[in-house]
Structures are given as C-alpha cells and as structure tokens.
C-alpha cells in the first residue's frame, strides 16, 4: 500500500496565505490558517496595511488581526499544484503562501 503525504503536510497553523485577482484593479486578501486536517485548512481573513506608491496603486502587507466583518472562519480543500499546496480563495482564484514581501494592489477609481 502506497502511503501518500497529506496535501497539508507543509502548512502550519498561523501560516498566512494571500490571493491576488482582478481585471481593472488588483484585489488582495490575506488569510491566516487557524486549523488543518490532512486534506483541508480552515482560515480567517485578516486585515492589511496599505502603503500608497502612486495614484490608485500601492503595496499591502498583512496585519495579524481578523478583518472587521469577515471574522467567520472558512474551510477549503487543499490540493497539490506542481507539488505545492494550494487552496481556493473565498473570492477568486487560488491562495498562495505569503513570503513576507509587500504585495502590489491597485484600485480602478
């Protein structure tokens, strides 16, 4: 019997993931892992700190506090994509591990 490594093996409680998506603007959300099983993660959306660089664009970094009005945990199934754990964003696309660098964001108006 071939024993597979769980998809969440490299994910730890407290890890932060983010999504980045949009067409005329770039939306970014940050999510903190609060629970995991071998195949799922439960996260909460956390706040972000924005630094403007030019009109309508800047960088965001996570702030380790639940986002106002979005503190309900959500659970997503983790899948391996090119050997790396990924899970669907609660909004759009996939979530990626946050590496500590500020993330680009923009607004349309």
PDB file of N, CA and C in Angstrom:
ATOM      1  N   UNK A   1       0.834  -1.171   0.000  1.00  0.00           N
ATOM      2  CA  UNK A   1       0.000   0.000   0.000  1.00  0.00           C
ATOM      3  C   UNK A   1       0.887   1.244   0.000  1.00  0.00           C
ATOM      4  N   UNK A   2       0.625   2.169  -0.904  1.00  0.00           N
ATOM      5  CA  UNK A   2       1.401   3.391  -1.045  1.00  0.00           C
ATOM      6  C   UNK A   2       0.820   4.471  -0.138  1.00  0.00           C
ATOM      7  N   UNK A   3       1.591   4.892   0.826  1.00  0.00           N
ATOM      8  CA  UNK A   3       1.121   5.922   1.751  1.00  0.00           C
ATOM      9  C   UNK A   3       1.487   7.296   1.185  1.00  0.00           C
ATOM     10  N   UNK A   4       0.465   8.130   0.937  1.00  0.00           N
ATOM     11  CA  UNK A   4       0.700   9.457   0.378  1.00  0.00           C
ATOM     12  C   UNK A   4       0.882  10.487   1.486  1.00  0.00           C
ATOM     13  N   UNK A   5       1.702  11.481   1.207  1.00  0.00           N
ATOM     14  CA  UNK A   5       1.867  12.599   2.124  1.00  0.00           C
ATOM     15  C   UNK A   5       0.627  13.472   2.045  1.00  0.00           C
ATOM     16  N   UNK A   6       0.071  13.881   3.194  1.00  0.00           N
ATOM     17  CA  UNK A   6      -1.115  14.749   3.148  1.00  0.00           C
ATOM     18  C   UNK A   6      -0.813  16.065   2.428  1.00  0.00           C
ATOM     19  N   UNK A   7      -1.807  16.580   1.732  1.00  0.00           N
ATOM     20  CA  UNK A   7      -1.646  17.841   0.990  1.00  0.00           C
ATOM     21  C   UNK A   7      -1.273  18.992   1.924  1.00  0.00           C
ATOM     22  N   UNK A   8      -1.685  18.910   3.187  1.00  0.00           N
ATOM     23  CA  UNK A   8      -1.416  19.995   4.131  1.00  0.00           C
ATOM     24  C   UNK A   8      -0.129  19.791   4.943  1.00  0.00           C
ATOM     25  N   UNK A   9       0.700  18.832   4.558  1.00  0.00           N
ATOM     26  CA  UNK A   9       1.894  18.485   5.347  1.00  0.00           C
ATOM     27  C   UNK A   9       2.810  19.681   5.601  1.00  0.00           C
ATOM     28  N   UNK A  10       2.947  20.593   4.639  1.00  0.00           N
ATOM     29  CA  UNK A  10       3.864  21.726   4.801  1.00  0.00           C
ATOM     30  C   UNK A  10       3.156  22.999   5.275  1.00  0.00           C
ATOM     31  N   UNK A  11       1.875  22.908   5.558  1.00  0.00           N
ATOM     32  CA  UNK A  11       1.113  24.054   6.061  1.00  0.00           C
ATOM     33  C   UNK A  11       1.066  23.966   7.582  1.00  0.00           C
ATOM     34  N   UNK A  12       1.302  25.094   8.239  1.00  0.00           N
ATOM     35  CA  UNK A  12       1.276  25.148   9.697  1.00  0.00           C
ATOM     36  C   UNK A  12       0.186  26.097  10.181  1.00  0.00           C
ATOM     37  N   UNK A  13      -0.339  25.828  11.363  1.00  0.00           N
ATOM     38  CA  UNK A  13      -1.266  26.750  11.998  1.00  0.00           C
ATOM     39  C   UNK A  13      -0.532  28.087  12.163  1.00  0.00           C
ATOM     40  N   UNK A  14      -1.181  29.178  11.780  1.00  0.00           N
ATOM     41  CA  UNK A  14      -0.561  30.501  11.862  1.00  0.00           C
ATOM     42  C   UNK A  14       0.030  30.975  10.548  1.00  0.00           C
ATOM     43  N   UNK A  15       0.213  30.072   9.576  1.00  0.00           N
ATOM     44  CA  UNK A  15       0.711  30.487   8.256  1.00  0.00           C
ATOM     45  C   UNK A  15      -0.265  31.461   7.618  1.00  0.00           C
ATOM     46  N   UNK A  16       0.268  32.368   6.825  1.00  0.00           N
ATOM     47  CA  UNK A  16      -0.555  33.343   6.124  1.00  0.00           C
ATOM     48  C   UNK A  16      -0.478  33.071   4.627  1.00  0.00           C
ATOM     49  N   UNK A  17      -1.642  33.069   4.004  1.00  0.00           N
ATOM     50  CA  UNK A  17      -1.782  32.899   2.560  1.00  0.00           C
ATOM     51  C   UNK A  17      -2.466  34.138   2.005  1.00  0.00           C
ATOM     52  N   UNK A  18      -2.325  34.360   0.705  1.00  0.00           N
ATOM     53  CA  UNK A  18      -2.983  35.517   0.092  1.00  0.00           C
ATOM     54  C   UNK A  18      -3.508  35.147  -1.284  1.00  0.00           C
ATOM     55  N   UNK A  19      -4.468  35.948  -1.737  1.00  0.00           N
ATOM     56  CA  UNK A  19      -4.926  35.857  -3.116  1.00  0.00           C
ATOM     57  C   UNK A  19      -4.750  37.227  -3.758  1.00  0.00           C
ATOM     58  N   UNK A  20      -4.622  37.245  -5.056  1.00  0.00           N
ATOM     59  CA  UNK A  20      -4.475  38.473  -5.822  1.00  0.00           C
ATOM     60  C   UNK A  20      -5.223  38.274  -7.124  1.00  0.00           C
ATOM     61  N   UNK A  21      -6.207  39.128  -7.368  1.00  0.00           N
ATOM     62  CA  UNK A  21      -7.039  38.934  -8.555  1.00  0.00           C
ATOM     63  C   UNK A  21      -7.682  40.252  -8.976  1.00  0.00           C
ATOM     64  N   UNK A  22      -8.139  40.306 -10.192  1.00  0.00           N
ATOM     65  CA  UNK A  22      -8.862  41.467 -10.690  1.00  0.00           C
ATOM     66  C   UNK A  22      -8.568  41.706 -12.155  1.00  0.00           C
ATOM     67  N   UNK A  23      -9.320  42.599 -12.735  1.00  0.00           N
ATOM     68  CA  UNK A  23      -9.143  42.957 -14.143  1.00  0.00           C
ATOM     69  C   UNK A  23      -8.726  44.418 -14.249  1.00  0.00           C
ATOM     70  N   UNK A  24      -9.608  45.333 -13.878  1.00  0.00           N
ATOM     71  CA  UNK A  24      -9.269  46.760 -13.928  1.00  0.00           C
ATOM     72  C   UNK A  24      -8.632  47.245 -12.632  1.00  0.00           C
ATOM     73  N   UNK A  25      -8.608  46.381 -11.655  1.00  0.00           N
ATOM     74  CA  UNK A  25      -7.948  46.672 -10.389  1.00  0.00           C
ATOM     75  C   UNK A  25      -7.392  45.364  -9.843  1.00  0.00           C
ATOM     76  N   UNK A  26      -6.460  45.451  -8.930  1.00  0.00           N
ATOM     77  CA  UNK A  26      -5.860  44.258  -8.341  1.00  0.00           C
ATOM     78  C   UNK A  26      -6.276  44.175  -6.882  1.00  0.00           C
ATOM     79  N   UNK A  27      -7.099  43.187  -6.573  1.00  0.00           N
ATOM     80  CA  UNK A  27      -7.585  42.967  -5.211  1.00  0.00           C
ATOM     81  C   UNK A  27      -6.675  41.957  -4.517  1.00  0.00           C
ATOM     82  N   UNK A  28      -6.389  42.193  -3.257  1.00  0.00           N
ATOM     83  CA  UNK A  28      -5.538  41.292  -2.476  1.00  0.00           C
ATOM     84  C   UNK A  28      -6.229  41.013  -1.145  1.00  0.00           C
ATOM     85  N   UNK A  29      -6.254  39.757  -0.752  1.00  0.00           N
ATOM     86  CA  UNK A  29      -6.768  39.366   0.555  1.00  0.00           C
ATOM     87  C   UNK A  29      -5.750  38.494   1.262  1.00  0.00           C
ATOM     88  N   UNK A  30      -5.688  38.599   2.577  1.00  0.00           N
ATOM     89  CA  UNK A  30      -4.775  37.793   3.377  1.00  0.00           C
ATOM     90  C   UNK A  30      -5.587  36.889   4.304  1.00  0.00           C
ATOM     91  N   UNK A  31      -5.119  35.656   4.488  1.00  0.00           N
ATOM     92  CA  UNK A  31      -5.850  34.641   5.244  1.00  0.00           C
ATOM     93  C   UNK A  31      -4.885  33.898   6.163  1.00  0.00           C
ATOM     94  N   UNK A  32      -5.272  33.757   7.431  1.00  0.00           N
ATOM     95  CA  UNK A  32      -4.448  33.067   8.415  1.00  0.00           C
ATOM     96  C   UNK A  32      -5.028  31.681   8.669  1.00  0.00           C
ATOM     97  N   UNK A  33      -4.165  30.654   8.618  1.00  0.00           N
ATOM     98  CA  UNK A  33      -4.581  29.273   8.874  1.00  0.00           C
ATOM     99  C   UNK A  33      -4.787  29.107  10.381  1.00  0.00           C
ATOM    100  N   UNK A  34      -6.008  28.686  10.765  1.00  0.00           N
ATOM    101  CA  UNK A  34      -6.319  28.507  12.183  1.00  0.00           C
ATOM    102  C   UNK A  34      -6.557  27.038  12.549  1.00  0.00           C
ATOM    103  N   UNK A  35      -6.708  26.184  11.529  1.00  0.00           N
ATOM    104  CA  UNK A  35      -6.933  24.761  11.766  1.00  0.00           C
ATOM    105  C   UNK A  35      -6.609  24.019  10.482  1.00  0.00           C
ATOM    106  N   UNK A  36      -6.187  22.748  10.617  1.00  0.00           N
ATOM    107  CA  UNK A  36      -5.954  21.948   9.420  1.00  0.00           C
ATOM    108  C   UNK A  36      -6.239  20.484   9.696  1.00  0.00           C
ATOM    109  N   UNK A  37      -6.571  19.782   8.626  1.00  0.00           N
ATOM    110  CA  UNK A  37      -6.702  18.331   8.630  1.00  0.00           C
ATOM    111  C   UNK A  37      -5.745  17.845   7.538  1.00  0.00           C
ATOM    112  N   UNK A  38      -5.631  16.552   7.295  1.00  0.00           N
ATOM    113  CA  UNK A  38      -4.758  16.102   6.213  1.00  0.00           C
ATOM    114  C   UNK A  38      -5.162  16.631   4.824  1.00  0.00           C
ATOM    115  N   UNK A  39      -6.416  17.049   4.656  1.00  0.00           N
ATOM    116  CA  UNK A  39      -6.839  17.481   3.319  1.00  0.00           C
ATOM    117  C   UNK A  39      -7.488  18.859   3.273  1.00  0.00           C
ATOM    118  N   UNK A  40      -7.675  19.530   4.417  1.00  0.00           N
ATOM    119  CA  UNK A  40      -8.316  20.846   4.411  1.00  0.00           C
ATOM    120  C   UNK A  40      -7.594  21.822   5.331  1.00  0.00           C
ATOM    121  N   UNK A  41      -7.845  23.110   5.088  1.00  0.00           N
ATOM    122  CA  UNK A  41      -7.412  24.164   6.002  1.00  0.00           C
ATOM    123  C   UNK A  41      -8.634  25.010   6.346  1.00  0.00           C
ATOM    124  N   UNK A  42      -8.637  25.514   7.561  1.00  0.00           N
ATOM    125  CA  UNK A  42      -9.636  26.484   7.976  1.00  0.00           C
ATOM    126  C   UNK A  42      -8.881  27.775   8.239  1.00  0.00           C
ATOM    127  N   UNK A  43      -9.377  28.863   7.654  1.00  0.00           N
ATOM    128  CA  UNK A  43      -8.702  30.156   7.726  1.00  0.00           C
ATOM    129  C   UNK A  43      -9.676  31.239   8.146  1.00  0.00           C
ATOM    130  N   UNK A  44      -9.107  32.361   8.594  1.00  0.00           N
ATOM    131  CA  UNK A  44      -9.877  33.581   8.775  1.00  0.00           C
ATOM    132  C   UNK A  44      -9.216  34.658   7.923  1.00  0.00           C
ATOM    133  N   UNK A  45     -10.023  35.576   7.414  1.00  0.00           N
ATOM    134  CA  UNK A  45      -9.462  36.705   6.670  1.00  0.00           C
ATOM    135  C   UNK A  45      -8.914  37.700   7.683  1.00  0.00           C
ATOM    136  N   UNK A  46      -7.717  38.229   7.409  1.00  0.00           N
ATOM    137  CA  UNK A  46      -7.096  39.180   8.328  1.00  0.00           C
ATOM    138  C   UNK A  46      -6.923  40.534   7.642  1.00  0.00           C
ATOM    139  N   UNK A  47      -6.703  41.543   8.471  1.00  0.00           N
ATOM    140  CA  UNK A  47      -6.539  42.914   7.980  1.00  0.00           C
ATOM    141  C   UNK A  47      -5.261  43.068   7.173  1.00  0.00           C
ATOM    142  N   UNK A  48      -5.165  44.200   6.500  1.00  0.00           N
ATOM    143  CA  UNK A  48      -3.951  44.533   5.744  1.00  0.00           C
ATOM    144  C   UNK A  48      -3.638  46.000   5.940  1.00  0.00           C
ATOM    145  N   UNK A  49      -2.379  46.321   5.797  1.00  0.00           N
ATOM    146  CA  UNK A  49      -1.903  47.694   5.896  1.00  0.00           C
ATOM    147  C   UNK A  49      -1.488  48.134   4.501  1.00  0.00           C
ATOM    148  N   UNK A  50      -2.025  49.276   4.051  1.00  0.00           N
ATOM    149  CA  UNK A  50      -1.817  49.778   2.692  1.00  0.00           C
ATOM    150  C   UNK A  50      -0.830  50.935   2.697  1.00  0.00           C
ATOM    151  N   UNK A  51       0.135  50.891   1.772  1.00  0.00           N
ATOM    152  CA  UNK A  51       1.067  51.997   1.552  1.00  0.00           C
ATOM    153  C   UNK A  51       0.932  52.428   0.104  1.00  0.00           C
ATOM    154  N   UNK A  52       0.480  53.667  -0.098  1.00  0.00           N
ATOM    155  CA  UNK A  52       0.300  54.175  -1.464  1.00  0.00           C
ATOM    156  C   UNK A  52       1.654  54.469  -2.096  1.00  0.00           C
ATOM    157  N   UNK A  53       1.796  54.070  -3.377  1.00  0.00           N
ATOM    158  CA  UNK A  53       3.032  54.356  -4.115  1.00  0.00           C
ATOM    159  C   UNK A  53       2.771  55.388  -5.211  1.00  0.00           C
ATOM    160  N   UNK A  54       1.698  55.213  -5.944  1.00  0.00           N
ATOM    161  CA  UNK A  54       1.276  56.181  -6.962  1.00  0.00           C
ATOM    162  C   UNK A  54      -0.234  56.307  -6.843  1.00  0.00           C
ATOM    163  N   UNK A  55      -0.839  57.224  -7.603  1.00  0.00           N
ATOM    164  CA  UNK A  55      -2.293  57.372  -7.535  1.00  0.00           C
ATOM    165  C   UNK A  55      -2.947  56.060  -7.916  1.00  0.00           C
ATOM    166  N   UNK A  56      -3.757  55.513  -7.008  1.00  0.00           N
ATOM    167  CA  UNK A  56      -4.516  54.306  -7.292  1.00  0.00           C
ATOM    168  C   UNK A  56      -3.761  52.999  -7.161  1.00  0.00           C
ATOM    169  N   UNK A  57      -2.511  53.037  -6.713  1.00  0.00           N
ATOM    170  CA  UNK A  57      -1.793  51.773  -6.540  1.00  0.00           C
ATOM    171  C   UNK A  57      -0.812  51.871  -5.378  1.00  0.00           C
ATOM    172  N   UNK A  58      -0.470  50.707  -4.866  1.00  0.00           N
ATOM    173  CA  UNK A  58       0.453  50.655  -3.745  1.00  0.00           C
ATOM    174  C   UNK A  58       0.757  49.227  -3.381  1.00  0.00           C
ATOM    175  N   UNK A  59       1.151  49.029  -2.144  1.00  0.00           N
ATOM    176  CA  UNK A  59       1.505  47.701  -1.643  1.00  0.00           C
ATOM    177  C   UNK A  59       0.742  47.459  -0.347  1.00  0.00           C
ATOM    178  N   UNK A  60       0.436  46.187  -0.092  1.00  0.00           N
ATOM    179  CA  UNK A  60      -0.224  45.797   1.146  1.00  0.00           C
ATOM    180  C   UNK A  60       0.575  44.701   1.831  1.00  0.00           C
ATOM    181  N   UNK A  61       0.487  44.693   3.152  1.00  0.00           N
ATOM    182  CA  UNK A  61       1.077  43.642   3.974  1.00  0.00           C
ATOM    183  C   UNK A  61       0.007  43.207   4.975  1.00  0.00           C
ATOM    184  N   UNK A  62       0.055  41.954   5.432  1.00  0.00           N
ATOM    185  CA  UNK A  62      -0.962  41.501   6.378  1.00  0.00           C
ATOM    186  C   UNK A  62      -0.762  42.081   7.769  1.00  0.00           C
ATOM    187  N   UNK A  63      -1.870  42.239   8.457  1.00  0.00           N
ATOM    188  CA  UNK A  63      -1.886  42.638   9.861  1.00  0.00           C
ATOM    189  C   UNK A  63      -2.579  41.505  10.603  1.00  0.00           C
ATOM    190  N   UNK A  64      -1.919  40.959  11.601  1.00  0.00           N
ATOM    191  CA  UNK A  64      -2.422  39.761  12.277  1.00  0.00           C
ATOM    192  C   UNK A  64      -3.585  40.080  13.212  1.00  0.00           C
ATOM    193  N   UNK A  65      -4.709  40.450  12.593  1.00  0.00           N
ATOM    194  CA  UNK A  65      -5.957  40.699  13.324  1.00  0.00           C
ATOM    195  C   UNK A  65      -7.101  40.390  12.368  1.00  0.00           C
ATOM    196  N   UNK A  66      -8.169  39.761  12.848  1.00  0.00           N
ATOM    197  CA  UNK A  66      -9.287  39.455  11.954  1.00  0.00           C
ATOM    198  C   UNK A  66      -9.817  40.714  11.278  1.00  0.00           C
ATOM    199  N   UNK A  67     -10.182  40.587  10.013  1.00  0.00           N
ATOM    200  CA  UNK A  67     -10.730  41.711   9.266  1.00  0.00           C
ATOM    201  C   UNK A  67     -12.148  41.980   9.759  1.00  0.00           C
ATOM    202  N   UNK A  68     -12.466  43.240  10.010  1.00  0.00           N
ATOM    203  CA  UNK A  68     -13.784  43.616  10.505  1.00  0.00           C
ATOM    204  C   UNK A  68     -14.876  43.077   9.594  1.00  0.00           C
ATOM    205  N   UNK A  69     -15.840  42.391  10.197  1.00  0.00           N
ATOM    206  CA  UNK A  69     -16.965  41.869   9.445  1.00  0.00           C
ATOM    207  C   UNK A  69     -16.667  40.608   8.654  1.00  0.00           C
ATOM    208  N   UNK A  70     -15.430  40.159   8.675  1.00  0.00           N
ATOM    209  CA  UNK A  70     -15.043  38.963   7.923  1.00  0.00           C
ATOM    210  C   UNK A  70     -14.324  37.968   8.811  1.00  0.00           C
ATOM    211  N   UNK A  71     -14.741  37.894  10.074  1.00  0.00           N
ATOM    212  CA  UNK A  71     -14.033  37.042  11.019  1.00  0.00           C
ATOM    213  C   UNK A  71     -14.598  35.625  11.092  1.00  0.00           C
ATOM    214  N   UNK A  72     -15.551  35.278  10.222  1.00  0.00           N
ATOM    215  CA  UNK A  72     -16.066  33.910  10.165  1.00  0.00           C
ATOM    216  C   UNK A  72     -15.033  33.008   9.502  1.00  0.00           C
ATOM    217  N   UNK A  73     -14.648  31.930  10.139  1.00  0.00           N
ATOM    218  CA  UNK A  73     -13.701  31.007   9.505  1.00  0.00           C
ATOM    219  C   UNK A  73     -14.322  30.347   8.273  1.00  0.00           C
ATOM    220  N   UNK A  74     -13.475  29.988   7.329  1.00  0.00           N
ATOM    221  CA  UNK A  74     -13.914  29.233   6.153  1.00  0.00           C
ATOM    222  C   UNK A  74     -12.954  28.061   5.972  1.00  0.00           C
ATOM    223  N   UNK A  75     -13.474  26.969   5.438  1.00  0.00           N
ATOM    224  CA  UNK A  75     -12.678  25.762   5.231  1.00  0.00           C
ATOM    225  C   UNK A  75     -12.586  25.463   3.747  1.00  0.00           C
ATOM    226  N   UNK A  76     -11.385  25.140   3.291  1.00  0.00           N
ATOM    227  CA  UNK A  76     -11.140  24.826   1.883  1.00  0.00           C
ATOM    228  C   UNK A  76     -10.316  23.548   1.780  1.00  0.00           C
ATOM    229  N   UNK A  77     -10.586  22.780   0.738  1.00  0.00           N
ATOM    230  CA  UNK A  77      -9.808  21.583   0.449  1.00  0.00           C
ATOM    231  C   UNK A  77      -8.478  22.001  -0.170  1.00  0.00           C
ATOM    232  N   UNK A  78      -7.402  21.399   0.290  1.00  0.00           N
ATOM    233  CA  UNK A  78      -6.057  21.699  -0.214  1.00  0.00           C
ATOM    234  C   UNK A  78      -5.720  20.693  -1.304  1.00  0.00           C
ATOM    235  N   UNK A  79      -5.141  21.219  -2.394  1.00  0.00           N
ATOM    236  CA  UNK A  79      -4.678  20.352  -3.481  1.00  0.00           C
ATOM    237  C   UNK A  79      -3.225  20.700  -3.770  1.00  0.00           C
ATOM    238  N   UNK A  80      -2.504  19.734  -4.288  1.00  0.00           N
ATOM    239  CA  UNK A  80      -1.119  19.989  -4.673  1.00  0.00           C
ATOM    240  C   UNK A  80      -1.106  20.453  -6.123  1.00  0.00           C
ATOM    241  N   UNK A  81      -0.513  21.613  -6.364  1.00  0.00           N
ATOM    242  CA  UNK A  81      -0.360  22.178  -7.706  1.00  0.00           C
ATOM    243  C   UNK A  81       1.132  22.278  -7.955  1.00  0.00           C
ATOM    244  N   UNK A  82       1.629  21.481  -8.885  1.00  0.00           N
ATOM    245  CA  UNK A  82       3.072  21.407  -9.142  1.00  0.00           C
ATOM    246  C   UNK A  82       3.830  21.085  -7.850  1.00  0.00           C
ATOM    247  N   UNK A  83       3.241  20.231  -7.020  1.00  0.00           N
ATOM    248  CA  UNK A  83       3.872  19.797  -5.791  1.00  0.00           C
ATOM    249  C   UNK A  83       3.730  20.749  -4.616  1.00  0.00           C
ATOM    250  N   UNK A  84       3.076  21.897  -4.819  1.00  0.00           N
ATOM    251  CA  UNK A  84       2.907  22.900  -3.772  1.00  0.00           C
ATOM    252  C   UNK A  84       1.454  22.945  -3.310  1.00  0.00           C
ATOM    253  N   UNK A  85       1.213  23.080  -1.997  1.00  0.00           N
ATOM    254  CA  UNK A  85      -0.171  23.127  -1.517  1.00  0.00           C
ATOM    255  C   UNK A  85      -0.849  24.440  -1.891  1.00  0.00           C
ATOM    256  N   UNK A  86      -2.062  24.321  -2.426  1.00  0.00           N
ATOM    257  CA  UNK A  86      -2.866  25.492  -2.792  1.00  0.00           C
ATOM    258  C   UNK A  86      -4.313  25.205  -2.418  1.00  0.00           C
ATOM    259  N   UNK A  87      -5.063  26.265  -2.156  1.00  0.00           N
ATOM    260  CA  UNK A  87      -6.496  26.113  -1.920  1.00  0.00           C
ATOM    261  C   UNK A  87      -7.214  27.300  -2.532  1.00  0.00           C
ATOM    262  N   UNK A  88      -8.497  27.107  -2.818  1.00  0.00           N
ATOM    263  CA  UNK A  88      -9.284  28.157  -3.463  1.00  0.00           C
ATOM    264  C   UNK A  88      -9.493  29.324  -2.510  1.00  0.00           C
ATOM    265  N   UNK A  89      -9.400  30.502  -3.078  1.00  0.00           N
ATOM    266  CA  UNK A  89      -9.698  31.721  -2.353  1.00  0.00           C
ATOM    267  C   UNK A  89     -11.193  31.780  -2.067  1.00  0.00           C
ATOM    268  N   UNK A  90     -11.586  32.452  -0.996  1.00  0.00           N
ATOM    269  CA  UNK A  90     -13.021  32.640  -0.785  1.00  0.00           C
ATOM    270  C   UNK A  90     -13.612  33.611  -1.804  1.00  0.00           C
ATOM    271  N   UNK A  91     -12.768  34.312  -2.557  1.00  0.00           N
ATOM    272  CA  UNK A  91     -13.239  35.301  -3.525  1.00  0.00           C
ATOM    273  C   UNK A  91     -13.025  34.853  -4.964  1.00  0.00           C
ATOM    274  N   UNK A  92     -11.769  34.591  -5.348  1.00  0.00           N
ATOM    275  CA  UNK A  92     -11.488  34.248  -6.739  1.00  0.00           C
ATOM    276  C   UNK A  92     -10.072  33.694  -6.853  1.00  0.00           C
ATOM    277  N   UNK A  93      -9.904  32.609  -7.562  1.00  0.00           N
ATOM    278  CA  UNK A  93      -8.570  32.066  -7.820  1.00  0.00           C
ATOM    279  C   UNK A  93      -8.034  31.233  -6.673  1.00  0.00           C
ATOM    280  N   UNK A  94      -6.721  31.126  -6.634  1.00  0.00           N
ATOM    281  CA  UNK A  94      -6.029  30.312  -5.633  1.00  0.00           C
ATOM    282  C   UNK A  94      -5.339  31.181  -4.595  1.00  0.00           C
ATOM    283  N   UNK A  95      -5.103  30.605  -3.425  1.00  0.00           N
ATOM    284  CA  UNK A  95      -4.319  31.257  -2.388  1.00  0.00           C
ATOM    285  C   UNK A  95      -2.898  30.712  -2.423  1.00  0.00           C
ATOM    286  N   UNK A  96      -1.950  31.615  -2.206  1.00  0.00           N
ATOM    287  CA  UNK A  96      -0.528  31.296  -2.244  1.00  0.00           C
ATOM    288  C   UNK A  96       0.093  31.644  -0.901  1.00  0.00           C
ATOM    289  N   UNK A  97       1.162  30.943  -0.507  1.00  0.00           N
ATOM    290  CA  UNK A  97       1.810  31.279   0.764  1.00  0.00           C
ATOM    291  C   UNK A  97       2.411  32.681   0.707  1.00  0.00           C
ATOM    292  N   UNK A  98       2.226  33.429   1.774  1.00  0.00           N
ATOM    293  CA  UNK A  98       2.774  34.780   1.866  1.00  0.00           C
ATOM    294  C   UNK A  98       4.236  34.682   2.278  1.00  0.00           C
ATOM    295  N   UNK A  99       5.119  35.353   1.522  1.00  0.00           N
ATOM    296  CA  UNK A  99       6.558  35.231   1.765  1.00  0.00           C
ATOM    297  C   UNK A  99       7.161  36.403   2.538  1.00  0.00           C
ATOM    298  N   UNK A 100       6.317  37.325   2.991  1.00  0.00           N
ATOM    299  CA  UNK A 100       6.822  38.450   3.771  1.00  0.00           C
ATOM    300  C   UNK A 100       7.030  39.722   2.980  1.00  0.00           C
ATOM    301  N   UNK A 101       7.015  39.653   1.657  1.00  0.00           N
ATOM    302  CA  UNK A 101       7.217  40.837   0.821  1.00  0.00           C
ATOM    303  C   UNK A 101       5.879  41.554   0.602  1.00  0.00           C
ATOM    304  N   UNK A 102       5.877  42.890   0.551  1.00  0.00           N
ATOM    305  CA  UNK A 102       4.650  43.611   0.251  1.00  0.00           C
ATOM    306  C   UNK A 102       4.074  43.168  -1.106  1.00  0.00           C
ATOM    307  N   UNK A 103       2.747  43.157  -1.214  1.00  0.00           N
ATOM    308  CA  UNK A 103       2.057  42.671  -2.406  1.00  0.00           C
ATOM    309  C   UNK A 103       1.399  43.869  -3.122  1.00  0.00           C
ATOM    310  N   UNK A 104       1.572  43.926  -4.432  1.00  0.00           N
ATOM    311  CA  UNK A 104       1.009  45.002  -5.258  1.00  0.00           C
ATOM    312  C   UNK A 104      -0.519  44.973  -5.228  1.00  0.00           C
ATOM    313  N   UNK A 105      -1.124  46.150  -5.141  1.00  0.00           N
ATOM    314  CA  UNK A 105      -2.573  46.287  -5.234  1.00  0.00           C
ATOM    315  C   UNK A 105      -2.897  47.575  -5.965  1.00  0.00           C
ATOM    316  N   UNK A 106      -4.078  47.628  -6.560  1.00  0.00           N
ATOM    317  CA  UNK A 106      -4.483  48.845  -7.261  1.00  0.00           C
ATOM    318  C   UNK A 106      -5.991  49.004  -7.180  1.00  0.00           C
ATOM    319  N   UNK A 107      -6.454  50.220  -7.416  1.00  0.00           N
ATOM    320  CA  UNK A 107      -7.891  50.468  -7.469  1.00  0.00           C
ATOM    321  C   UNK A 107      -8.224  51.130  -8.792  1.00  0.00           C
ATOM    322  N   UNK A 108      -9.429  50.926  -9.228  1.00  0.00           N
ATOM    323  CA  UNK A 108      -9.862  51.433 -10.525  1.00  0.00           C
ATOM    324  C   UNK A 108     -10.235  52.908 -10.453  1.00  0.00           C
ATOM    325  N   UNK A 109     -10.897  53.285  -9.381  1.00  0.00           N
ATOM    326  CA  UNK A 109     -11.359  54.675  -9.285  1.00  0.00           C
ATOM    327  C   UNK A 109     -10.741  55.381  -8.106  1.00  0.00           C
TER     328      UNK A 109
END
